[in-house]
Amino acid sequence: MRGVERPALASAFPSFGGQHDDFVFMDLGANAENKPS
């Protein structure tokens, strides 16, 4: 997509003790190295 520098892998991950059952965790391995941006 135009405007996205580096697509990434995202997944719902289980959360305990919070208000929601899951949270979003990314990047899960699409890019071994990343820039701050």
ModelCIF file with pLDDT and N, C-alpha, C, O atoms, coordinates in Angstrom:
data_MODEL
#
_entry.id   MODEL 
#
_entity.id                         1 
_entity.type                       polymer 
_entity.pdbx_number_of_molecules   1 
#
_entity_poly.entity_id                      1 
_entity_poly.type                           'polypeptide(L)' 
_entity_poly.nstd_linkage                   no 
_entity_poly.nstd_monomer                   no 
_entity_poly.pdbx_seq_one_letter_code       MRGVERPALASAFPSFGGQHDDFVFMDLGANAENKPS 
_entity_poly.pdbx_seq_one_letter_code_can   MRGVERPALASAFPSFGGQHDDFVFMDLGANAENKPS 
_entity_poly.pdbx_strand_id                 A 
#
loop_
_entity_poly_seq.entity_id 
_entity_poly_seq.num 
_entity_poly_seq.mon_id 
_entity_poly_seq.hetero 
1 1  MET n 
1 2  ARG n 
1 3  GLY n 
1 4  VAL n 
1 5  GLU n 
1 6  ARG n 
1 7  PRO n 
1 8  ALA n 
1 9  LEU n 
1 10 ALA n 
1 11 SER n 
1 12 ALA n 
1 13 PHE n 
1 14 PRO n 
1 15 SER n 
1 16 PHE n 
1 17 GLY n 
1 18 GLY n 
1 19 GLN n 
1 20 HIS n 
1 21 ASP n 
1 22 ASP n 
1 23 PHE n 
1 24 VAL n 
1 25 PHE n 
1 26 MET n 
1 27 ASP n 
1 28 LEU n 
1 29 GLY n 
1 30 ALA n 
1 31 ASN n 
1 32 ALA n 
1 33 GLU n 
1 34 ASN n 
1 35 LYS n 
1 36 PRO n 
1 37 SER n 
#
_struct_asym.id          A 
_struct_asym.entity_id   1 
#
loop_
_ma_qa_metric.id 
_ma_qa_metric.mode 
_ma_qa_metric.name 
_ma_qa_metric.software_group_id 
_ma_qa_metric.type 
1 global pLDDT . pLDDT 
2 local  pLDDT . pLDDT 
#
_ma_qa_metric_global.metric_id      1 
_ma_qa_metric_global.metric_value   87.86 
_ma_qa_metric_global.model_id       1 
_ma_qa_metric_global.ordinal_id     1 
#
loop_
_ma_qa_metric_local.label_asym_id 
_ma_qa_metric_local.label_comp_id 
_ma_qa_metric_local.label_seq_id 
_ma_qa_metric_local.metric_id 
_ma_qa_metric_local.metric_value 
_ma_qa_metric_local.model_id 
_ma_qa_metric_local.ordinal_id 
A MET 1  2 92.00 1 1  
A ARG 2  2 89.00 1 2  
A GLY 3  2 88.00 1 3  
A VAL 4  2 91.00 1 4  
A GLU 5  2 89.00 1 5  
A ARG 6  2 90.00 1 6  
A PRO 7  2 93.00 1 7  
A ALA 8  2 92.00 1 8  
A LEU 9  2 93.00 1 9  
A ALA 10 2 93.00 1 10 
A SER 11 2 90.00 1 11 
A ALA 12 2 88.00 1 12 
A PHE 13 2 86.00 1 13 
A PRO 14 2 85.00 1 14 
A SER 15 2 85.00 1 15 
A PHE 16 2 83.00 1 16 
A GLY 17 2 76.00 1 17 
A GLY 18 2 73.00 1 18 
A GLN 19 2 80.00 1 19 
A HIS 20 2 85.00 1 20 
A ASP 21 2 82.00 1 21 
A ASP 22 2 87.00 1 22 
A PHE 23 2 92.00 1 23 
A VAL 24 2 94.00 1 24 
A PHE 25 2 95.00 1 25 
A MET 26 2 94.00 1 26 
A ASP 27 2 92.00 1 27 
A LEU 28 2 90.00 1 28 
A GLY 29 2 85.00 1 29 
A ALA 30 2 83.00 1 30 
A ASN 31 2 83.00 1 31 
A ALA 32 2 80.00 1 32 
A GLU 33 2 85.00 1 33 
A ASN 34 2 90.00 1 34 
A LYS 35 2 92.00 1 35 
A PRO 36 2 93.00 1 36 
A SER 37 2 93.00 1 37 
#
loop_
_atom_site.group_PDB 
_atom_site.id 
_atom_site.type_symbol 
_atom_site.label_atom_id 
_atom_site.label_alt_id 
_atom_site.label_comp_id 
_atom_site.label_asym_id 
_atom_site.label_entity_id 
_atom_site.label_seq_id 
_atom_site.pdbx_PDB_ins_code 
_atom_site.Cartn_x 
_atom_site.Cartn_y 
_atom_site.Cartn_z 
_atom_site.occupancy 
_atom_site.B_iso_or_equiv 
_atom_site.pdbx_formal_charge 
_atom_site.auth_seq_id 
_atom_site.auth_comp_id 
_atom_site.auth_asym_id 
_atom_site.auth_atom_id 
_atom_site.pdbx_PDB_model_num 
ATOM 1   N N  . MET A 1 1  ? 0.837   -1.196  0.000  1.00 92.00 ? 1  MET A N  1 
ATOM 2   C CA . MET A 1 1  ? 0.000   0.000   0.000  1.00 92.00 ? 1  MET A CA 1 
ATOM 3   C C  . MET A 1 1  ? 0.873   1.248   0.000  1.00 92.00 ? 1  MET A C  1 
ATOM 4   O O  . MET A 1 1  ? 1.880   1.306   0.706  1.00 92.00 ? 1  MET A O  1 
ATOM 5   N N  . ARG A 1 2  ? 0.492   2.239   -0.786 1.00 89.00 ? 2  ARG A N  1 
ATOM 6   C CA . ARG A 1 2  ? 1.217   3.504   -0.827 1.00 89.00 ? 2  ARG A CA 1 
ATOM 7   C C  . ARG A 1 2  ? 1.183   4.153   0.559  1.00 89.00 ? 2  ARG A C  1 
ATOM 8   O O  . ARG A 1 2  ? 0.130   4.237   1.191  1.00 89.00 ? 2  ARG A O  1 
ATOM 9   N N  . GLY A 1 3  ? 2.341   4.605   1.017  1.00 88.00 ? 3  GLY A N  1 
ATOM 10  C CA . GLY A 1 3  ? 2.425   5.252   2.322  1.00 88.00 ? 3  GLY A CA 1 
ATOM 11  C C  . GLY A 1 3  ? 2.970   4.366   3.422  1.00 88.00 ? 3  GLY A C  1 
ATOM 12  O O  . GLY A 1 3  ? 3.383   4.860   4.471  1.00 88.00 ? 3  GLY A O  1 
ATOM 13  N N  . VAL A 1 4  ? 2.977   3.034   3.189  1.00 91.00 ? 4  VAL A N  1 
ATOM 14  C CA . VAL A 1 4  ? 3.514   2.089   4.177  1.00 91.00 ? 4  VAL A CA 1 
ATOM 15  C C  . VAL A 1 4  ? 4.954   1.765   3.797  1.00 91.00 ? 4  VAL A C  1 
ATOM 16  O O  . VAL A 1 4  ? 5.206   1.228   2.718  1.00 91.00 ? 4  VAL A O  1 
ATOM 17  N N  . GLU A 1 5  ? 5.899   2.089   4.676  1.00 89.00 ? 5  GLU A N  1 
ATOM 18  C CA . GLU A 1 5  ? 7.315   1.847   4.370  1.00 89.00 ? 5  GLU A CA 1 
ATOM 19  C C  . GLU A 1 5  ? 7.654   0.367   4.356  1.00 89.00 ? 5  GLU A C  1 
ATOM 20  O O  . GLU A 1 5  ? 8.344   -0.106  3.453  1.00 89.00 ? 5  GLU A O  1 
ATOM 21  N N  . ARG A 1 6  ? 7.175   -0.365  5.348  1.00 90.00 ? 6  ARG A N  1 
ATOM 22  C CA . ARG A 1 6  ? 7.561   -1.771  5.500  1.00 90.00 ? 6  ARG A CA 1 
ATOM 23  C C  . ARG A 1 6  ? 6.388   -2.573  6.088  1.00 90.00 ? 6  ARG A C  1 
ATOM 24  O O  . ARG A 1 6  ? 6.155   -2.507  7.295  1.00 90.00 ? 6  ARG A O  1 
ATOM 25  N N  . PRO A 1 7  ? 5.651   -3.323  5.267  1.00 93.00 ? 7  PRO A N  1 
ATOM 26  C CA . PRO A 1 7  ? 4.582   -4.174  5.815  1.00 93.00 ? 7  PRO A CA 1 
ATOM 27  C C  . PRO A 1 7  ? 5.123   -5.112  6.882  1.00 93.00 ? 7  PRO A C  1 
ATOM 28  O O  . PRO A 1 7  ? 6.309   -5.442  6.889  1.00 93.00 ? 7  PRO A O  1 
ATOM 29  N N  . ALA A 1 8  ? 4.244   -5.538  7.782  1.00 92.00 ? 8  ALA A N  1 
ATOM 30  C CA . ALA A 1 8  ? 4.678   -6.353  8.910  1.00 92.00 ? 8  ALA A CA 1 
ATOM 31  C C  . ALA A 1 8  ? 3.653   -7.424  9.232  1.00 92.00 ? 8  ALA A C  1 
ATOM 32  O O  . ALA A 1 8  ? 2.491   -7.331  8.836  1.00 92.00 ? 8  ALA A O  1 
ATOM 33  N N  . LEU A 1 9  ? 4.099   -8.444  9.958  1.00 93.00 ? 9  LEU A N  1 
ATOM 34  C CA . LEU A 1 9  ? 3.212   -9.506  10.418 1.00 93.00 ? 9  LEU A CA 1 
ATOM 35  C C  . LEU A 1 9  ? 2.612   -9.131  11.765 1.00 93.00 ? 9  LEU A C  1 
ATOM 36  O O  . LEU A 1 9  ? 3.330   -8.806  12.711 1.00 93.00 ? 9  LEU A O  1 
ATOM 37  N N  . ALA A 1 10 ? 1.285   -9.181  11.837 1.00 93.00 ? 10 ALA A N  1 
ATOM 38  C CA . ALA A 1 10 ? 0.587   -8.861  13.080 1.00 93.00 ? 10 ALA A CA 1 
ATOM 39  C C  . ALA A 1 10 ? -0.352  -9.997  13.448 1.00 93.00 ? 10 ALA A C  1 
ATOM 40  O O  . ALA A 1 10 ? -0.916  -10.662 12.578 1.00 93.00 ? 10 ALA A O  1 
ATOM 41  N N  . SER A 1 11 ? -0.511  -10.210 14.748 1.00 90.00 ? 11 SER A N  1 
ATOM 42  C CA . SER A 1 11 ? -1.409  -11.271 15.203 1.00 90.00 ? 11 SER A CA 1 
ATOM 43  C C  . SER A 1 11 ? -2.054  -10.885 16.517 1.00 90.00 ? 11 SER A C  1 
ATOM 44  O O  . SER A 1 11 ? -1.507  -10.096 17.288 1.00 90.00 ? 11 SER A O  1 
ATOM 45  N N  . ALA A 1 12 ? -3.229  -11.454 16.761 1.00 88.00 ? 12 ALA A N  1 
ATOM 46  C CA . ALA A 1 12 ? -3.866  -11.309 18.069 1.00 88.00 ? 12 ALA A CA 1 
ATOM 47  C C  . ALA A 1 12 ? -3.185  -12.265 19.039 1.00 88.00 ? 12 ALA A C  1 
ATOM 48  O O  . ALA A 1 12 ? -2.962  -13.434 18.724 1.00 88.00 ? 12 ALA A O  1 
ATOM 49  N N  . PHE A 1 13 ? -2.859  -11.756 20.216 1.00 86.00 ? 13 PHE A N  1 
ATOM 50  C CA . PHE A 1 13 ? -2.111  -12.510 21.215 1.00 86.00 ? 13 PHE A CA 1 
ATOM 51  C C  . PHE A 1 13 ? -2.916  -12.514 22.510 1.00 86.00 ? 13 PHE A C  1 
ATOM 52  O O  . PHE A 1 13 ? -3.549  -11.505 22.819 1.00 86.00 ? 13 PHE A O  1 
ATOM 53  N N  . PRO A 1 14 ? -2.922  -13.605 23.287 1.00 85.00 ? 14 PRO A N  1 
ATOM 54  C CA . PRO A 1 14 ? -3.731  -13.647 24.508 1.00 85.00 ? 14 PRO A CA 1 
ATOM 55  C C  . PRO A 1 14 ? -3.247  -12.676 25.579 1.00 85.00 ? 14 PRO A C  1 
ATOM 56  O O  . PRO A 1 14 ? -2.048  -12.509 25.801 1.00 85.00 ? 14 PRO A O  1 
ATOM 57  N N  . SER A 1 15 ? -4.212  -12.045 26.230 1.00 85.00 ? 15 SER A N  1 
ATOM 58  C CA . SER A 1 15 ? -3.918  -11.070 27.280 1.00 85.00 ? 15 SER A CA 1 
ATOM 59  C C  . SER A 1 15 ? -4.577  -11.513 28.576 1.00 85.00 ? 15 SER A C  1 
ATOM 60  O O  . SER A 1 15 ? -5.733  -11.936 28.577 1.00 85.00 ? 15 SER A O  1 
ATOM 61  N N  . PHE A 1 16 ? -3.852  -11.417 29.667 1.00 83.00 ? 16 PHE A N  1 
ATOM 62  C CA . PHE A 1 16 ? -4.371  -11.810 30.979 1.00 83.00 ? 16 PHE A CA 1 
ATOM 63  C C  . PHE A 1 16 ? -4.384  -10.594 31.911 1.00 83.00 ? 16 PHE A C  1 
ATOM 64  O O  . PHE A 1 16 ? -3.401  -9.858  31.998 1.00 83.00 ? 16 PHE A O  1 
ATOM 65  N N  . GLY A 1 17 ? -5.481  -10.399 32.590 1.00 76.00 ? 17 GLY A N  1 
ATOM 66  C CA . GLY A 1 17 ? -5.531  -9.349  33.598 1.00 76.00 ? 17 GLY A CA 1 
ATOM 67  C C  . GLY A 1 17 ? -5.983  -8.005  33.095 1.00 76.00 ? 17 GLY A C  1 
ATOM 68  O O  . GLY A 1 17 ? -6.188  -7.089  33.892 1.00 76.00 ? 17 GLY A O  1 
ATOM 69  N N  . GLY A 1 18 ? -6.147  -7.854  31.789 1.00 73.00 ? 18 GLY A N  1 
ATOM 70  C CA . GLY A 1 18 ? -6.573  -6.576  31.241 1.00 73.00 ? 18 GLY A CA 1 
ATOM 71  C C  . GLY A 1 18 ? -8.063  -6.556  30.948 1.00 73.00 ? 18 GLY A C  1 
ATOM 72  O O  . GLY A 1 18 ? -8.804  -7.453  31.349 1.00 73.00 ? 18 GLY A O  1 
ATOM 73  N N  . GLN A 1 19 ? -8.485  -5.517  30.244 1.00 80.00 ? 19 GLN A N  1 
ATOM 74  C CA . GLN A 1 19 ? -9.897  -5.372  29.910 1.00 80.00 ? 19 GLN A CA 1 
ATOM 75  C C  . GLN A 1 19 ? -10.292 -6.193  28.683 1.00 80.00 ? 19 GLN A C  1 
ATOM 76  O O  . GLN A 1 19 ? -11.479 -6.414  28.440 1.00 80.00 ? 19 GLN A O  1 
ATOM 77  N N  . HIS A 1 20 ? -9.306  -6.643  27.910 1.00 85.00 ? 20 HIS A N  1 
ATOM 78  C CA . HIS A 1 20 ? -9.591  -7.345  26.655 1.00 85.00 ? 20 HIS A CA 1 
ATOM 79  C C  . HIS A 1 20 ? -8.901  -8.707  26.639 1.00 85.00 ? 20 HIS A C  1 
ATOM 80  O O  . HIS A 1 20 ? -7.886  -8.915  27.304 1.00 85.00 ? 20 HIS A O  1 
ATOM 81  N N  . ASP A 1 21 ? -9.474  -9.630  25.863 1.00 82.00 ? 21 ASP A N  1 
ATOM 82  C CA . ASP A 1 21 ? -8.941  -10.993 25.795 1.00 82.00 ? 21 ASP A CA 1 
ATOM 83  C C  . ASP A 1 21 ? -7.640  -11.076 25.004 1.00 82.00 ? 21 ASP A C  1 
ATOM 84  O O  . ASP A 1 21 ? -6.816  -11.959 25.243 1.00 82.00 ? 21 ASP A O  1 
ATOM 85  N N  . ASP A 1 22 ? -7.461  -10.155 24.061 1.00 87.00 ? 22 ASP A N  1 
ATOM 86  C CA . ASP A 1 22 ? -6.299  -10.218 23.176 1.00 87.00 ? 22 ASP A CA 1 
ATOM 87  C C  . ASP A 1 22 ? -5.688  -8.838  22.981 1.00 87.00 ? 22 ASP A C  1 
ATOM 88  O O  . ASP A 1 22 ? -6.319  -7.814  23.240 1.00 87.00 ? 22 ASP A O  1 
ATOM 89  N N  . PHE A 1 23 ? -4.444  -8.839  22.519 1.00 92.00 ? 23 PHE A N  1 
ATOM 90  C CA . PHE A 1 23 ? -3.805  -7.611  22.087 1.00 92.00 ? 23 PHE A CA 1 
ATOM 91  C C  . PHE A 1 23 ? -3.121  -7.871  20.751 1.00 92.00 ? 23 PHE A C  1 
ATOM 92  O O  . PHE A 1 23 ? -2.905  -9.022  20.372 1.00 92.00 ? 23 PHE A O  1 
ATOM 93  N N  . VAL A 1 24 ? -2.783  -6.804  20.042 1.00 94.00 ? 24 VAL A N  1 
ATOM 94  C CA . VAL A 1 24 ? -2.099  -6.919  18.749 1.00 94.00 ? 24 VAL A CA 1 
ATOM 95  C C  . VAL A 1 24 ? -0.596  -6.906  18.979 1.00 94.00 ? 24 VAL A C  1 
ATOM 96  O O  . VAL A 1 24 ? -0.071  -6.036  19.675 1.00 94.00 ? 24 VAL A O  1 
ATOM 97  N N  . PHE A 1 25 ? 0.095   -7.880  18.388 1.00 95.00 ? 25 PHE A N  1 
ATOM 98  C CA . PHE A 1 25 ? 1.548   -7.987  18.518 1.00 95.00 ? 25 PHE A CA 1 
ATOM 99  C C  . PHE A 1 25 ? 2.140   -7.959  17.115 1.00 95.00 ? 25 PHE A C  1 
ATOM 100 O O  . PHE A 1 25 ? 1.789   -8.791  16.278 1.00 95.00 ? 25 PHE A O  1 
ATOM 101 N N  . MET A 1 26 ? 3.042   -7.002  16.847 1.00 94.00 ? 26 MET A N  1 
ATOM 102 C CA . MET A 1 26 ? 3.683   -6.889  15.535 1.00 94.00 ? 26 MET A CA 1 
ATOM 103 C C  . MET A 1 26 ? 5.007   -6.132  15.694 1.00 94.00 ? 26 MET A C  1 
ATOM 104 O O  . MET A 1 26 ? 5.098   -5.261  16.559 1.00 94.00 ? 26 MET A O  1 
ATOM 105 N N  . ASP A 1 27 ? 6.022   -6.428  14.902 1.00 92.00 ? 27 ASP A N  1 
ATOM 106 C CA . ASP A 1 27 ? 6.160   -7.346  13.812 1.00 92.00 ? 27 ASP A CA 1 
ATOM 107 C C  . ASP A 1 27 ? 6.618   -8.705  14.365 1.00 92.00 ? 27 ASP A C  1 
ATOM 108 O O  . ASP A 1 27 ? 7.443   -8.761  15.276 1.00 92.00 ? 27 ASP A O  1 
ATOM 109 N N  . LEU A 1 28 ? 6.078   -9.793  13.808 1.00 90.00 ? 28 LEU A N  1 
ATOM 110 C CA . LEU A 1 28 ? 6.385   -11.124 14.313 1.00 90.00 ? 28 LEU A CA 1 
ATOM 111 C C  . LEU A 1 28 ? 7.403   -11.868 13.458 1.00 90.00 ? 28 LEU A C  1 
ATOM 112 O O  . LEU A 1 28 ? 7.502   -13.092 13.546 1.00 90.00 ? 28 LEU A O  1 
ATOM 113 N N  . GLY A 1 29 ? 8.157   -11.153 12.637 1.00 85.00 ? 29 GLY A N  1 
ATOM 114 C CA . GLY A 1 29 ? 9.218   -11.816 11.899 1.00 85.00 ? 29 GLY A CA 1 
ATOM 115 C C  . GLY A 1 29 ? 9.284   -11.496 10.429 1.00 85.00 ? 29 GLY A C  1 
ATOM 116 O O  . GLY A 1 29 ? 10.076  -12.096 9.703  1.00 85.00 ? 29 GLY A O  1 
ATOM 117 N N  . ALA A 1 30 ? 8.471   -10.563 9.968  1.00 83.00 ? 30 ALA A N  1 
ATOM 118 C CA . ALA A 1 30 ? 8.537   -10.214 8.550  1.00 83.00 ? 30 ALA A CA 1 
ATOM 119 C C  . ALA A 1 30 ? 9.832   -9.498  8.211  1.00 83.00 ? 30 ALA A C  1 
ATOM 120 O O  . ALA A 1 30 ? 10.359  -9.644  7.108  1.00 83.00 ? 30 ALA A O  1 
ATOM 121 N N  . ASN A 1 31 ? 10.350  -8.717  9.168  1.00 83.00 ? 31 ASN A N  1 
ATOM 122 C CA . ASN A 1 31 ? 11.540  -7.903  8.926  1.00 83.00 ? 31 ASN A CA 1 
ATOM 123 C C  . ASN A 1 31 ? 12.562  -8.134  10.042 1.00 83.00 ? 31 ASN A C  1 
ATOM 124 O O  . ASN A 1 31 ? 12.298  -7.823  11.204 1.00 83.00 ? 31 ASN A O  1 
ATOM 125 N N  . ALA A 1 32 ? 13.710  -8.671  9.692  1.00 80.00 ? 32 ALA A N  1 
ATOM 126 C CA . ALA A 1 32 ? 14.734  -8.935  10.704 1.00 80.00 ? 32 ALA A CA 1 
ATOM 127 C C  . ALA A 1 32 ? 15.332  -7.643  11.244 1.00 80.00 ? 32 ALA A C  1 
ATOM 128 O O  . ALA A 1 32 ? 15.773  -7.591  12.392 1.00 80.00 ? 32 ALA A O  1 
ATOM 129 N N  . GLU A 1 33 ? 15.347  -6.599  10.415 1.00 85.00 ? 33 GLU A N  1 
ATOM 130 C CA . GLU A 1 33 ? 15.867  -5.305  10.835 1.00 85.00 ? 33 GLU A CA 1 
ATOM 131 C C  . GLU A 1 33 ? 14.841  -4.222  10.537 1.00 85.00 ? 33 GLU A C  1 
ATOM 132 O O  . GLU A 1 33 ? 14.142  -4.275  9.525  1.00 85.00 ? 33 GLU A O  1 
ATOM 133 N N  . ASN A 1 34 ? 14.758  -3.247  11.420 1.00 90.00 ? 34 ASN A N  1 
ATOM 134 C CA . ASN A 1 34 ? 13.807  -2.159  11.245 1.00 90.00 ? 34 ASN A CA 1 
ATOM 135 C C  . ASN A 1 34 ? 14.450  -0.815  11.519 1.00 90.00 ? 34 ASN A C  1 
ATOM 136 O O  . ASN A 1 34 ? 15.411  -0.716  12.282 1.00 90.00 ? 34 ASN A O  1 
ATOM 137 N N  . LYS A 1 35 ? 13.911  0.223   10.888 1.00 92.00 ? 35 LYS A N  1 
ATOM 138 C CA . LYS A 1 35 ? 14.268  1.594   11.191 1.00 92.00 ? 35 LYS A CA 1 
ATOM 139 C C  . LYS A 1 35 ? 13.283  2.137   12.228 1.00 92.00 ? 35 LYS A C  1 
ATOM 140 O O  . LYS A 1 35 ? 12.200  1.575   12.396 1.00 92.00 ? 35 LYS A O  1 
ATOM 141 N N  . PRO A 1 36 ? 13.637  3.210   12.919 1.00 93.00 ? 36 PRO A N  1 
ATOM 142 C CA . PRO A 1 36 ? 12.691  3.811   13.860 1.00 93.00 ? 36 PRO A CA 1 
ATOM 143 C C  . PRO A 1 36 ? 11.362  4.181   13.209 1.00 93.00 ? 36 PRO A C  1 
ATOM 144 O O  . PRO A 1 36 ? 10.307  4.042   13.827 1.00 93.00 ? 36 PRO A O  1 
ATOM 145 N N  . SER A 1 37 ? 11.411  4.649   11.964 1.00 93.00 ? 37 SER A N  1 
ATOM 146 C CA . SER A 1 37 ? 10.178  5.042   11.279 1.00 93.00 ? 37 SER A CA 1 
ATOM 147 C C  . SER A 1 37 ? 9.262   3.848   11.035 1.00 93.00 ? 37 SER A C  1 
ATOM 148 O O  . SER A 1 37 ? 8.180   4.005   10.468 1.00 93.00 ? 37 SER A O  1 
#
